[in-house]
Amino acid sequence: MAILFGVLSILVGAPTYLFISYIQKEQILDEQRAILQNMADSAATVIAENLVQRRREIELLAQSDTFRTAPLDGKAVRIALERLKKSYPHYSWIGLTDPEGIVRSATSNHLVGQSAAARPWFQKGRFNVFMGDVHEALLLTKLLPRTEPGQPMRFIDFASPVISEDGRLRGVLAAHAHWRWAGTVLKAATPRDADQTGIQLFIVNEQDRIIYPEQDAAPQSTTVSEDLLSRHGRNFLDWGRDGRFLITASAVAEPTELSTLNWRVVVRQPESILLANVARLQRAILLISILGVIVFILLAWQAASLISRPIERLTDSARRIRQGDEHARFGAPPASSRELQELSKALESMSNTLLEQKHALETSNQQLEIKVAHRTRELHRLNRELESLARTDALTGTPNRMAANEALLREFARFKRGHPPYSVLMMDIDYFKRINDTYGHATGDDILRSVASVIRDGIRATDFFGRVGGEEFMALLLATDQIQAESVAEKIRSIVESTGLEPVGKVTISIGACIVQTSDRNPDDALKRADQALYRAKAAGRNRVVVFNESTRS
């Protein structure tokens, strides 16, 4: 019962555990997917707001009276530029150009007097507020100190046209923000335990290329396929050589109506870390399930023992009685239920009845065994007689055709295994039909018995001889070659001819002889050749011996 309850608990608990584990796994993955998506949305929102704030700063500054009326290379403009640069630590350069693109004022006087007419921020900033994608500024890179050795200096451009009071273009106000501000923004959105949880945030541009972190610090794959981003949030996906990750993405809102940055924030977390958390939960559930099964089995064992012990005592008594202990008795188990006491009494009564029947049956069995032994001996004797009759010719007492076939098959098999060859004699009484017609069938039967006796005396005891047809006989001469077979056949023919058989007188036989050959495929091949030789003997005038050879065949 304990094993049964244990198996049942496993059969119920295993699917339950698998179902709960699956639900827990999906729930954990859904919750983590939602967390990563919120993280991507928050980071994208912060980046968009930061870009909008920088755009508005440049736009508002370009609309101030200082830039609309003061000389482009005047002190007031330079002071305003330096003040704006100090207000945001990631501004690396802020400058003001004239309508032709010549830089008239700039922070730290960098690039003053140089032409920016070919720069996208100037060309587009003359007409509308502009924000450019991340890029490297070769001239500024030479002028500005490197804060991160070994890393390229990249910037984001913000530009706005400066319009005079009479509505004409006075110049373009531009600012280069150092790209390290992206790290500051993403750091604020990255959880504190990101190193332990493996969570990473990336900024991906319109060309599906990772623009943050910097390339040297980025993962092995610096591009993210569009297919990967289109399937984000759907289970775990392969990220190139980096492995499999749970991935979410969120688009960064455009800071201006005319900008087409198409940035996205991508958040990923390794499958191995997430599944490790799931595995820990599954192990805890499995341990609790195993403990529950063990406790359930122990309780079932205790309950089963209270029921099974009285039954075991009854079983032991039944086993002793079965083994022959006639003194064993079914006693009522102490403190047992009324049902078990009734069962004990019933078993005791049944045991007494069975013992009485056993004694009577033993006596009957002894008498029956004596009868069976006598009948068995008689049956064996009759079977032997029946088998002998089935293989013996009733008229002559010699083996019949069935025995002859068995002898042929047996000797042919011995010959194929390497024993010496044997010869076959086919013998037929001449003019036997005339004897039957003239003297009657009774006389014909006497002639058959007499001829069979003469032939049997003319061969060895180890040779086979039997009647295979009406007046036809067959002999197998073992270890006998063709010359010897012809000699034996001639001897038999001569004895039959010289033996007078009343009331017929002289009786003759014709004999066909042959020897088994290695080319024979079955035992009937030699028999057929002997039949052919016998036919030739009959055709040649009877009362003669013909040995099979090629001339006989023809």
Protein backbone atom coordinates (compact mmCIF):
# COMPACT_ATOMS: atom_id res chain seq x y z
CA MET A 1 0.00 0.00 0.00
CA ALA A 2 2.87 2.34 0.79
CA ILE A 3 4.42 1.66 -2.62
CA LEU A 4 1.04 2.14 -4.28
CA PHE A 5 0.47 5.47 -2.55
CA GLY A 6 4.06 6.46 -3.34
CA VAL A 7 3.57 5.69 -7.04
CA LEU A 8 0.24 7.54 -7.04
CA SER A 9 1.82 10.56 -5.37
CA ILE A 10 4.60 10.54 -7.98
CA LEU A 11 2.10 10.15 -10.83
CA VAL A 12 0.14 13.11 -9.47
CA GLY A 13 3.10 15.14 -8.24
CA ALA A 14 5.33 14.83 -11.32
CA PRO A 15 2.83 16.44 -13.76
CA THR A 16 1.93 19.00 -11.10
CA TYR A 17 5.61 19.85 -10.61
CA LEU A 18 6.19 20.10 -14.37
CA PHE A 19 3.09 22.27 -14.80
CA ILE A 20 3.97 24.56 -11.89
CA SER A 21 7.59 24.77 -13.08
CA TYR A 22 6.42 25.69 -16.56
CA ILE A 23 3.98 28.30 -15.25
CA GLN A 24 6.61 29.73 -12.91
CA LYS A 25 9.18 29.84 -15.70
CA GLU A 26 6.80 31.62 -18.07
CA GLN A 27 5.72 33.98 -15.30
CA ILE A 28 9.33 34.84 -14.42
CA LEU A 29 10.18 35.37 -18.09
CA ASP A 30 7.08 37.53 -18.61
CA GLU A 31 7.86 39.61 -15.54
CA GLN A 32 11.51 40.00 -16.56
CA ARG A 33 10.47 40.81 -20.12
CA ALA A 34 8.19 43.54 -18.75
CA ILE A 35 11.00 44.86 -16.53
CA LEU A 36 13.41 45.00 -19.48
CA GLN A 37 10.76 46.66 -21.64
CA ASN A 38 10.10 49.29 -18.96
CA MET A 39 13.83 49.82 -18.70
CA ALA A 40 14.11 50.32 -22.46
CA ASP A 41 11.09 52.66 -22.49
CA SER A 42 12.48 54.69 -19.57
CA ALA A 43 15.93 54.99 -21.14
CA ALA A 44 14.41 55.99 -24.50
CA THR A 45 12.25 58.61 -22.78
CA VAL A 46 15.20 60.05 -20.83
CA ILE A 47 17.33 60.23 -23.98
CA ALA A 48 14.52 61.90 -25.93
CA GLU A 49 13.89 64.43 -23.14
CA ASN A 50 17.60 65.17 -22.87
CA LEU A 51 17.85 65.76 -26.62
CA VAL A 52 14.78 67.98 -26.54
CA GLN A 53 16.26 69.96 -23.64
CA ARG A 54 19.53 70.50 -25.51
CA ARG A 55 17.63 71.51 -28.65
CA ARG A 56 15.51 74.00 -26.73
CA GLU A 57 18.59 75.47 -25.06
CA ILE A 58 20.20 76.21 -28.43
CA GLU A 59 16.91 77.37 -29.92
CA LEU A 60 16.14 79.76 -27.06
CA LEU A 61 19.69 81.07 -26.95
CA ALA A 62 19.56 81.77 -30.70
CA GLN A 63 16.40 83.84 -30.12
CA SER A 64 17.92 85.93 -27.33
CA ASP A 65 18.56 89.68 -27.93
CA THR A 66 22.30 89.22 -27.48
CA PHE A 67 22.60 86.98 -30.53
CA ARG A 68 20.04 88.91 -32.57
CA THR A 69 21.60 92.37 -32.08
CA ALA A 70 25.13 92.17 -30.62
CA PRO A 71 28.18 91.88 -32.89
CA LEU A 72 28.81 88.25 -33.83
CA ASP A 73 32.40 88.46 -32.55
CA GLY A 74 31.60 90.72 -29.61
CA LYS A 75 32.28 90.13 -25.93
CA ALA A 76 28.60 89.70 -25.05
CA VAL A 77 28.27 86.79 -27.47
CA ARG A 78 31.42 85.10 -26.14
CA ILE A 79 30.22 85.46 -22.55
CA ALA A 80 26.82 83.96 -23.45
CA LEU A 81 28.51 81.03 -25.19
CA GLU A 82 30.81 80.29 -22.22
CA ARG A 83 27.88 80.54 -19.81
CA LEU A 84 25.88 77.96 -21.82
CA LYS A 85 28.87 75.64 -22.02
CA LYS A 86 29.29 75.69 -18.25
CA SER A 87 25.57 75.01 -17.72
CA TYR A 88 25.87 71.52 -19.22
CA PRO A 89 29.13 69.59 -18.65
CA HIS A 90 28.83 67.55 -21.86
CA TYR A 91 28.98 70.58 -24.17
CA SER A 92 32.43 70.37 -25.78
CA TRP A 93 32.12 73.31 -28.15
CA ILE A 94 29.58 76.07 -28.88
CA GLY A 95 30.06 78.53 -31.69
CA LEU A 96 28.37 81.21 -33.81
CA THR A 97 28.92 81.62 -37.55
CA ASP A 98 28.05 84.41 -39.93
CA PRO A 99 25.67 83.78 -42.86
CA GLU A 100 28.62 82.59 -44.97
CA GLY A 101 29.61 79.90 -42.45
CA ILE A 102 32.72 81.58 -40.93
CA VAL A 103 32.98 80.95 -37.18
CA ARG A 104 32.93 84.43 -35.50
CA SER A 105 32.73 83.44 -31.84
CA ALA A 106 33.30 80.14 -30.03
CA THR A 107 34.03 78.73 -26.60
CA SER A 108 37.75 78.77 -25.85
CA ASN A 109 38.10 80.51 -29.26
CA HIS A 110 38.31 77.07 -30.90
CA LEU A 111 37.78 77.13 -34.70
CA VAL A 112 37.29 80.95 -34.76
CA GLY A 113 37.90 82.22 -38.25
CA GLN A 114 37.48 78.82 -39.87
CA SER A 115 34.73 77.99 -42.34
CA ALA A 116 31.90 75.60 -41.42
CA ALA A 117 30.00 76.15 -44.63
CA ALA A 118 30.38 72.51 -45.66
CA ARG A 119 29.16 71.14 -42.32
CA PRO A 120 25.63 69.61 -42.27
CA TRP A 121 24.76 71.49 -39.09
CA PHE A 122 25.44 74.83 -40.83
CA GLN A 123 23.71 73.96 -44.10
CA LYS A 124 20.55 72.75 -42.37
CA GLY A 125 20.78 75.02 -39.36
CA ARG A 126 20.32 78.10 -41.57
CA PHE A 127 16.67 77.22 -42.10
CA ASN A 128 15.45 75.22 -39.08
CA VAL A 129 16.45 73.90 -35.72
CA PHE A 130 18.74 70.96 -36.49
CA MET A 131 20.08 68.00 -34.59
CA GLY A 132 22.62 65.66 -36.20
CA ASP A 133 23.54 62.04 -35.62
CA VAL A 134 26.65 60.93 -33.75
CA HIS A 135 29.87 61.69 -35.61
CA GLU A 136 33.58 62.38 -35.13
CA ALA A 137 34.87 65.99 -35.41
CA LEU A 138 38.42 65.80 -36.64
CA LEU A 139 39.28 69.46 -36.03
CA LEU A 140 37.83 69.51 -32.50
CA THR A 141 39.51 66.20 -31.68
CA LYS A 142 42.88 67.89 -32.23
CA LEU A 143 41.96 70.88 -30.06
CA LEU A 144 40.10 69.32 -27.13
CA PRO A 145 41.79 67.32 -24.34
CA ARG A 146 41.05 63.58 -24.32
CA THR A 147 39.08 62.55 -21.27
CA GLU A 148 39.03 58.85 -22.26
CA PRO A 149 42.39 57.76 -23.77
CA GLY A 150 42.06 55.18 -26.53
CA GLN A 151 38.42 56.01 -27.25
CA PRO A 152 37.30 58.06 -30.30
CA MET A 153 35.78 61.48 -29.60
CA ARG A 154 32.28 61.65 -31.00
CA PHE A 155 29.71 64.41 -30.81
CA ILE A 156 26.08 65.26 -31.43
CA ASP A 157 25.35 68.54 -33.24
CA PHE A 158 22.61 70.99 -32.27
CA ALA A 159 22.09 74.07 -34.45
CA SER A 160 19.57 76.88 -34.83
CA PRO A 161 19.37 79.86 -37.17
CA VAL A 162 19.92 83.32 -35.65
CA ILE A 163 17.44 85.76 -37.21
CA SER A 164 17.89 89.50 -36.95
CA GLU A 165 15.10 91.86 -35.98
CA ASP A 166 14.44 92.62 -39.61
CA GLY A 167 13.98 88.91 -40.36
CA ARG A 168 17.31 88.25 -42.06
CA LEU A 169 19.73 85.45 -41.29
CA ARG A 170 22.53 86.74 -39.03
CA GLY A 171 24.24 83.35 -38.62
CA VAL A 172 23.94 79.86 -37.18
CA LEU A 173 24.34 78.99 -33.50
CA ALA A 174 25.75 75.44 -33.08
CA ALA A 175 26.78 73.23 -30.18
CA HIS A 176 28.73 69.96 -30.12
CA ALA A 177 27.73 67.75 -27.16
CA HIS A 178 30.23 65.04 -26.25
CA TRP A 179 28.81 61.57 -26.78
CA ARG A 180 29.74 60.55 -23.22
CA TRP A 181 26.42 62.08 -22.15
CA ALA A 182 24.76 58.89 -23.52
CA GLY A 183 26.62 56.89 -20.87
CA THR A 184 25.35 59.24 -18.17
CA VAL A 185 21.79 58.84 -19.39
CA LEU A 186 21.96 55.06 -19.70
CA LYS A 187 23.70 54.73 -16.35
CA ALA A 188 20.73 56.38 -14.70
CA ALA A 189 18.40 53.83 -16.34
CA THR A 190 20.64 50.81 -15.65
CA PRO A 191 19.86 48.86 -12.44
CA ARG A 192 22.52 48.74 -9.74
CA ASP A 193 22.84 44.97 -9.95
CA ALA A 194 23.37 44.95 -13.72
CA ASP A 195 26.77 43.27 -13.33
CA GLN A 196 25.20 40.37 -11.46
CA THR A 197 22.06 40.12 -13.63
CA GLY A 198 23.94 40.64 -16.92
CA ILE A 199 21.60 43.41 -18.08
CA GLN A 200 23.05 45.63 -20.82
CA LEU A 201 21.63 48.71 -22.54
CA PHE A 202 22.55 49.81 -26.07
CA ILE A 203 21.70 52.68 -28.34
CA VAL A 204 21.20 51.59 -31.96
CA ASN A 205 21.03 54.02 -34.87
CA GLU A 206 19.02 53.94 -38.07
CA GLN A 207 21.59 51.68 -39.74
CA ASP A 208 21.07 49.08 -36.95
CA ARG A 209 24.57 49.82 -35.68
CA ILE A 210 25.41 50.08 -31.99
CA ILE A 211 26.48 53.67 -31.30
CA TYR A 212 26.67 53.26 -27.55
CA PRO A 213 28.67 51.80 -25.83
CA GLU A 214 31.70 52.89 -27.82
CA GLN A 215 32.86 50.31 -30.33
CA ASP A 216 35.90 49.15 -28.35
CA ALA A 217 33.75 48.58 -25.27
CA ALA A 218 30.80 47.15 -27.16
CA PRO A 219 30.01 43.44 -27.41
CA GLN A 220 31.44 41.28 -30.16
CA SER A 221 28.61 42.15 -32.53
CA THR A 222 28.54 45.89 -33.26
CA THR A 223 25.46 45.66 -35.48
CA VAL A 224 21.97 44.51 -34.61
CA SER A 225 19.89 42.92 -37.37
CA GLU A 226 16.49 44.37 -38.18
CA ASP A 227 15.05 40.86 -37.91
CA LEU A 228 16.38 40.56 -34.38
CA LEU A 229 14.83 43.86 -33.35
CA SER A 230 11.53 42.98 -35.04
CA ARG A 231 11.27 39.82 -32.93
CA HIS A 232 12.38 41.33 -29.61
CA GLY A 233 10.44 40.24 -26.56
CA ARG A 234 9.71 36.80 -28.05
CA ASN A 235 11.51 34.28 -25.90
CA PHE A 236 15.31 34.03 -26.28
CA LEU A 237 17.06 35.12 -29.48
CA ASP A 238 20.56 34.60 -30.85
CA TRP A 239 22.76 37.74 -30.77
CA GLY A 240 25.59 36.71 -33.06
CA ARG A 241 28.58 35.20 -31.28
CA ASP A 242 27.53 36.73 -27.95
CA GLY A 243 24.98 33.96 -27.31
CA ARG A 244 21.24 33.94 -26.60
CA PHE A 245 19.45 36.79 -24.82
CA LEU A 246 16.06 38.03 -23.77
CA ILE A 247 15.78 41.25 -25.78
CA THR A 248 13.51 44.29 -25.65
CA ALA A 249 13.67 47.55 -27.61
CA SER A 250 12.08 50.98 -27.52
CA ALA A 251 12.24 53.79 -30.09
CA VAL A 252 13.64 57.17 -29.06
CA ALA A 253 11.24 60.00 -29.90
CA GLU A 254 12.60 62.49 -32.42
CA PRO A 255 13.76 65.74 -30.74
CA THR A 256 12.61 67.84 -33.71
CA GLU A 257 9.94 67.47 -36.32
CA LEU A 258 12.49 67.47 -39.10
CA SER A 259 15.06 65.11 -37.55
CA THR A 260 15.27 61.47 -38.67
CA LEU A 261 17.60 59.89 -36.14
CA ASN A 262 15.51 56.75 -35.70
CA TRP A 263 17.43 55.73 -32.58
CA ARG A 264 16.35 52.81 -30.48
CA VAL A 265 17.29 51.67 -27.00
CA VAL A 266 17.92 47.92 -26.83
CA VAL A 267 18.06 46.05 -23.53
CA ARG A 268 19.26 42.47 -23.27
CA GLN A 269 19.82 39.89 -20.54
CA PRO A 270 21.65 36.55 -21.02
CA GLU A 271 19.57 33.39 -21.20
CA SER A 272 22.01 31.58 -18.91
CA ILE A 273 21.45 34.02 -16.03
CA LEU A 274 17.68 34.09 -16.43
CA LEU A 275 17.43 30.30 -16.66
CA ALA A 276 19.74 29.97 -13.67
CA ASN A 277 17.20 31.92 -11.63
CA VAL A 278 14.42 29.74 -13.01
CA ALA A 279 16.44 26.60 -12.25
CA ARG A 280 16.93 27.68 -8.63
CA LEU A 281 13.18 28.14 -8.25
CA GLN A 282 12.50 24.79 -9.94
CA ARG A 283 14.98 23.04 -7.64
CA ALA A 284 13.23 24.54 -4.62
CA ILE A 285 9.84 23.37 -5.92
CA LEU A 286 11.28 19.93 -6.70
CA LEU A 287 12.77 19.63 -3.20
CA ILE A 288 9.46 20.55 -1.61
CA SER A 289 7.68 18.04 -3.87
CA ILE A 290 10.12 15.27 -2.97
CA LEU A 291 9.76 15.99 0.74
CA GLY A 292 5.98 15.94 0.32
CA VAL A 293 6.15 12.56 -1.45
CA ILE A 294 8.40 11.12 1.28
CA VAL A 295 6.10 12.34 4.06
CA PHE A 296 3.08 10.98 2.18
CA ILE A 297 4.78 7.57 1.76
CA LEU A 298 5.71 7.43 5.46
CA LEU A 299 2.13 8.20 6.48
CA ALA A 300 0.84 5.63 4.01
CA TRP A 301 3.35 3.09 5.36
CA GLN A 302 2.19 3.68 8.93
CA ALA A 303 -1.48 3.42 7.96
CA ALA A 304 -0.85 0.34 5.84
CA SER A 305 1.10 -1.40 8.62
CA LEU A 306 -1.87 -1.09 11.01
CA ILE A 307 -3.99 -2.91 8.42
CA SER A 308 -1.44 -5.35 7.06
CA ARG A 309 0.09 -6.83 10.25
CA PRO A 310 -3.00 -8.92 11.20
CA ILE A 311 -3.28 -10.00 7.56
CA GLU A 312 0.41 -10.97 7.55
CA ARG A 313 -0.17 -13.25 10.57
CA LEU A 314 -3.07 -14.90 8.77
CA THR A 315 -0.92 -15.20 5.64
CA ASP A 316 1.89 -16.84 7.64
CA SER A 317 -0.53 -19.44 9.00
CA ALA A 318 -1.83 -20.11 5.48
CA ARG A 319 1.76 -20.47 4.19
CA ARG A 320 2.61 -22.99 6.91
CA ILE A 321 -0.49 -25.03 6.08
CA ARG A 322 0.43 -24.93 2.39
CA GLN A 323 3.92 -26.23 3.23
CA GLY A 324 2.38 -29.20 5.00
CA ASP A 325 2.16 -28.09 8.64
CA GLU A 326 -1.18 -29.62 9.59
CA HIS A 327 -0.89 -28.26 13.14
CA ALA A 328 -0.96 -24.60 12.07
CA ARG A 329 -4.11 -22.77 13.07
CA PHE A 330 -5.71 -19.42 12.26
CA GLY A 331 -5.93 -17.63 15.57
CA ALA A 332 -7.91 -14.42 15.87
CA PRO A 333 -5.37 -11.54 15.83
CA PRO A 334 -5.39 -9.45 19.01
CA ALA A 335 -7.05 -6.06 18.82
CA SER A 336 -8.16 -6.79 15.28
CA SER A 337 -11.34 -5.63 13.69
CA ARG A 338 -14.53 -7.67 13.70
CA GLU A 339 -14.10 -8.31 9.99
CA LEU A 340 -10.64 -9.84 10.48
CA GLN A 341 -11.93 -12.03 13.34
CA GLU A 342 -14.71 -13.31 11.10
CA LEU A 343 -12.15 -13.90 8.36
CA SER A 344 -9.95 -15.86 10.79
CA LYS A 345 -12.84 -18.14 11.76
CA ALA A 346 -13.76 -18.72 8.12
CA LEU A 347 -10.14 -19.57 7.25
CA GLU A 348 -9.91 -21.97 10.21
CA SER A 349 -13.05 -23.80 9.06
CA MET A 350 -11.80 -23.87 5.48
CA SER A 351 -8.42 -25.23 6.64
CA ASN A 352 -10.04 -28.13 8.50
CA THR A 353 -12.19 -28.97 5.49
CA LEU A 354 -9.18 -28.82 3.15
CA LEU A 355 -7.13 -31.13 5.41
CA GLU A 356 -9.91 -33.70 5.37
CA GLN A 357 -10.20 -33.43 1.63
CA LYS A 358 -6.42 -33.67 1.31
CA HIS A 359 -6.32 -37.01 3.14
CA ALA A 360 -9.14 -38.37 1.00
CA LEU A 361 -7.47 -37.07 -2.14
CA GLU A 362 -4.10 -38.61 -1.22
CA THR A 363 -5.77 -42.02 -0.86
CA SER A 364 -7.57 -41.60 -4.17
CA ASN A 365 -4.36 -40.40 -5.87
CA GLN A 366 -2.43 -43.46 -4.77
CA GLN A 367 -5.03 -45.73 -6.30
CA LEU A 368 -5.18 -43.62 -9.42
CA GLU A 369 -1.39 -43.61 -9.84
CA ILE A 370 -1.35 -47.41 -9.81
CA LYS A 371 -4.00 -47.50 -12.55
CA VAL A 372 -2.27 -44.82 -14.55
CA ALA A 373 1.08 -46.63 -14.41
CA HIS A 374 -0.55 -49.88 -15.64
CA ARG A 375 -2.40 -48.08 -18.43
CA THR A 376 0.75 -46.20 -19.42
CA ARG A 377 2.75 -49.40 -19.84
CA GLU A 378 -0.04 -50.92 -21.90
CA LEU A 379 -0.25 -47.76 -24.04
CA HIS A 380 3.51 -47.82 -24.70
CA ARG A 381 3.27 -51.47 -25.80
CA LEU A 382 0.36 -50.71 -28.13
CA ASN A 383 2.19 -47.69 -29.56
CA ARG A 384 5.22 -49.82 -30.33
CA GLU A 385 3.03 -52.40 -32.04
CA LEU A 386 1.19 -49.73 -33.99
CA GLU A 387 4.45 -48.16 -35.11
CA SER A 388 5.73 -51.58 -36.20
CA LEU A 389 2.50 -52.31 -38.10
CA ALA A 390 2.69 -48.92 -39.84
CA ARG A 391 6.11 -49.88 -41.28
CA THR A 392 5.58 -53.63 -41.85
CA ASP A 393 3.97 -55.39 -44.78
CA ALA A 394 1.14 -57.51 -43.30
CA LEU A 395 1.49 -60.31 -45.89
CA THR A 396 5.23 -60.97 -45.92
CA GLY A 397 6.20 -59.52 -42.53
CA THR A 398 8.92 -57.42 -44.23
CA PRO A 399 9.23 -53.58 -44.06
CA ASN A 400 6.75 -51.79 -46.31
CA ARG A 401 7.08 -48.82 -48.66
CA MET A 402 7.10 -46.25 -45.80
CA ALA A 403 9.98 -48.05 -44.10
CA ALA A 404 11.77 -48.31 -47.45
CA ASN A 405 11.48 -44.55 -48.02
CA GLU A 406 12.81 -43.85 -44.53
CA ALA A 407 15.73 -46.24 -45.10
CA LEU A 408 16.55 -44.58 -48.43
CA LEU A 409 16.49 -41.11 -46.84
CA ARG A 410 18.60 -42.25 -43.90
CA GLU A 411 21.28 -43.99 -45.98
CA PHE A 412 21.43 -41.14 -48.50
CA ALA A 413 22.08 -38.67 -45.66
CA ARG A 414 24.84 -40.94 -44.28
CA PHE A 415 26.37 -41.18 -47.74
CA LYS A 416 26.39 -37.39 -48.08
CA ARG A 417 28.20 -37.14 -44.74
CA GLY A 418 31.05 -39.34 -46.06
CA HIS A 419 29.93 -42.92 -45.44
CA PRO A 420 30.67 -45.59 -48.09
CA PRO A 421 28.22 -45.79 -51.02
CA TYR A 422 25.32 -48.24 -50.99
CA SER A 423 23.62 -50.18 -53.79
CA VAL A 424 19.93 -50.43 -54.59
CA LEU A 425 18.28 -53.64 -55.86
CA MET A 426 14.77 -53.53 -57.36
CA MET A 427 13.27 -57.09 -57.71
CA ASP A 428 10.07 -58.21 -59.38
CA ILE A 429 8.55 -61.78 -59.59
CA ASP A 430 8.18 -62.84 -63.24
CA TYR A 431 4.69 -63.60 -64.55
CA PHE A 432 3.13 -63.15 -61.13
CA LYS A 433 -0.25 -62.21 -62.61
CA ARG A 434 -0.32 -65.53 -64.45
CA ILE A 435 0.27 -67.33 -61.14
CA ASN A 436 -2.66 -65.49 -59.53
CA ASP A 437 -4.92 -66.16 -62.48
CA THR A 438 -3.96 -69.86 -62.69
CA TYR A 439 -3.64 -70.90 -59.04
CA GLY A 440 -5.63 -68.23 -57.23
CA HIS A 441 -4.68 -65.38 -54.96
CA ALA A 442 -4.08 -67.58 -51.94
CA THR A 443 -1.34 -69.43 -53.81
CA GLY A 444 -0.02 -66.06 -55.03
CA ASP A 445 0.24 -64.88 -51.43
CA ASP A 446 2.18 -68.05 -50.51
CA ILE A 447 4.57 -67.42 -53.40
CA LEU A 448 5.14 -63.79 -52.20
CA ARG A 449 5.93 -64.97 -48.67
CA SER A 450 8.27 -67.68 -49.92
CA VAL A 451 10.16 -65.41 -52.32
CA ALA A 452 10.47 -62.74 -49.58
CA SER A 453 11.93 -65.36 -47.23
CA VAL A 454 14.47 -66.52 -49.87
CA ILE A 455 15.59 -62.94 -50.60
CA ARG A 456 15.90 -62.07 -46.91
CA ASP A 457 18.14 -65.10 -46.37
CA GLY A 458 20.27 -64.09 -49.35
CA ILE A 459 21.41 -60.69 -47.97
CA ARG A 460 23.20 -59.58 -44.81
CA ALA A 461 21.41 -58.79 -41.59
CA THR A 462 22.72 -55.19 -41.79
CA ASP A 463 21.18 -54.68 -45.24
CA PHE A 464 17.64 -53.39 -45.70
CA PHE A 465 14.97 -55.48 -47.46
CA GLY A 466 11.27 -54.73 -47.92
CA ARG A 467 8.22 -55.11 -50.12
CA VAL A 468 7.50 -51.89 -52.02
CA GLY A 469 4.71 -53.02 -54.38
CA GLY A 470 2.43 -55.93 -55.31
CA GLU A 471 5.18 -58.41 -56.40
CA GLU A 472 8.05 -55.88 -56.18
CA PHE A 473 10.80 -55.85 -53.54
CA MET A 474 13.69 -53.47 -52.74
CA ALA A 475 17.01 -54.11 -51.03
CA LEU A 476 19.65 -51.61 -49.86
CA LEU A 477 23.10 -53.19 -49.74
CA LEU A 478 25.24 -51.06 -47.41
CA ALA A 479 28.92 -50.41 -48.17
CA THR A 480 28.56 -52.33 -51.43
CA ASP A 481 30.03 -51.35 -54.77
CA GLN A 482 28.55 -52.10 -58.18
CA ILE A 483 30.41 -55.40 -58.73
CA GLN A 484 29.45 -56.69 -55.31
CA ALA A 485 25.85 -55.61 -55.85
CA GLU A 486 25.71 -57.49 -59.16
CA SER A 487 27.12 -60.59 -57.46
CA VAL A 488 24.54 -60.48 -54.64
CA ALA A 489 21.73 -59.90 -57.13
CA GLU A 490 22.82 -62.86 -59.25
CA LYS A 491 23.00 -65.03 -56.15
CA ILE A 492 19.44 -64.09 -55.14
CA ARG A 493 18.12 -64.71 -58.67
CA SER A 494 19.80 -68.13 -58.82
CA ILE A 495 18.45 -69.22 -55.41
CA VAL A 496 14.91 -68.19 -56.30
CA GLU A 497 15.12 -70.01 -59.64
CA SER A 498 16.46 -73.20 -58.07
CA THR A 499 13.91 -73.28 -55.26
CA GLY A 500 10.79 -75.21 -56.26
CA LEU A 501 7.63 -73.66 -54.90
CA GLU A 502 4.54 -75.91 -54.82
CA PRO A 503 2.16 -76.09 -56.57
CA VAL A 504 3.68 -73.67 -59.11
CA GLY A 505 7.08 -75.25 -59.36
CA LYS A 506 9.78 -73.03 -60.85
CA VAL A 507 9.51 -69.28 -60.04
CA THR A 508 11.93 -66.63 -61.38
CA ILE A 509 12.61 -62.97 -60.63
CA SER A 510 14.11 -60.05 -62.55
CA ILE A 511 16.53 -57.66 -60.75
CA GLY A 512 17.71 -54.13 -61.54
CA ALA A 513 20.78 -52.87 -59.66
CA CYS A 514 22.59 -49.56 -59.33
CA ILE A 515 24.96 -47.78 -56.95
CA VAL A 516 24.38 -44.36 -55.38
CA GLN A 517 26.45 -41.57 -56.93
CA THR A 518 27.89 -38.35 -55.55
CA SER A 519 25.99 -36.39 -58.22
CA ASP A 520 22.64 -37.59 -56.87
CA ARG A 521 20.60 -34.71 -55.48
CA ASN A 522 18.09 -36.85 -53.55
CA PRO A 523 17.64 -40.52 -52.54
CA ASP A 524 15.09 -41.14 -55.32
CA ASP A 525 17.77 -40.69 -58.03
CA ALA A 526 19.38 -44.10 -57.31
CA LEU A 527 15.94 -45.71 -56.96
CA LYS A 528 14.93 -44.42 -60.38
CA ARG A 529 18.08 -45.84 -61.96
CA ALA A 530 17.43 -49.24 -60.34
CA ASP A 531 13.86 -49.13 -61.71
CA GLN A 532 15.25 -48.42 -65.18
CA ALA A 533 17.60 -51.39 -64.89
CA LEU A 534 14.67 -53.60 -63.73
CA TYR A 535 12.65 -52.47 -66.74
CA ARG A 536 15.54 -53.46 -69.02
CA ALA A 537 15.73 -56.86 -67.34
CA LYS A 538 12.02 -57.43 -67.98
CA ALA A 539 12.35 -56.26 -71.56
CA ALA A 540 15.34 -58.55 -72.14
CA GLY A 541 13.36 -61.70 -71.29
CA ARG A 542 13.11 -61.72 -67.47
CA ASN A 543 14.92 -64.00 -64.98
CA ARG A 544 18.08 -61.93 -65.19
CA VAL A 545 20.10 -59.18 -63.46
CA VAL A 546 20.74 -55.83 -65.17
CA VAL A 547 23.13 -53.29 -63.61
CA PHE A 548 22.46 -49.67 -64.48
CA ASN A 549 25.01 -48.01 -66.74
CA GLU A 550 24.91 -45.57 -69.66
CA SER A 551 23.96 -48.32 -72.10
CA THR A 552 21.14 -49.30 -69.78
CA ARG A 553 19.94 -45.66 -69.80
CA SER A 554 19.75 -45.70 -73.57
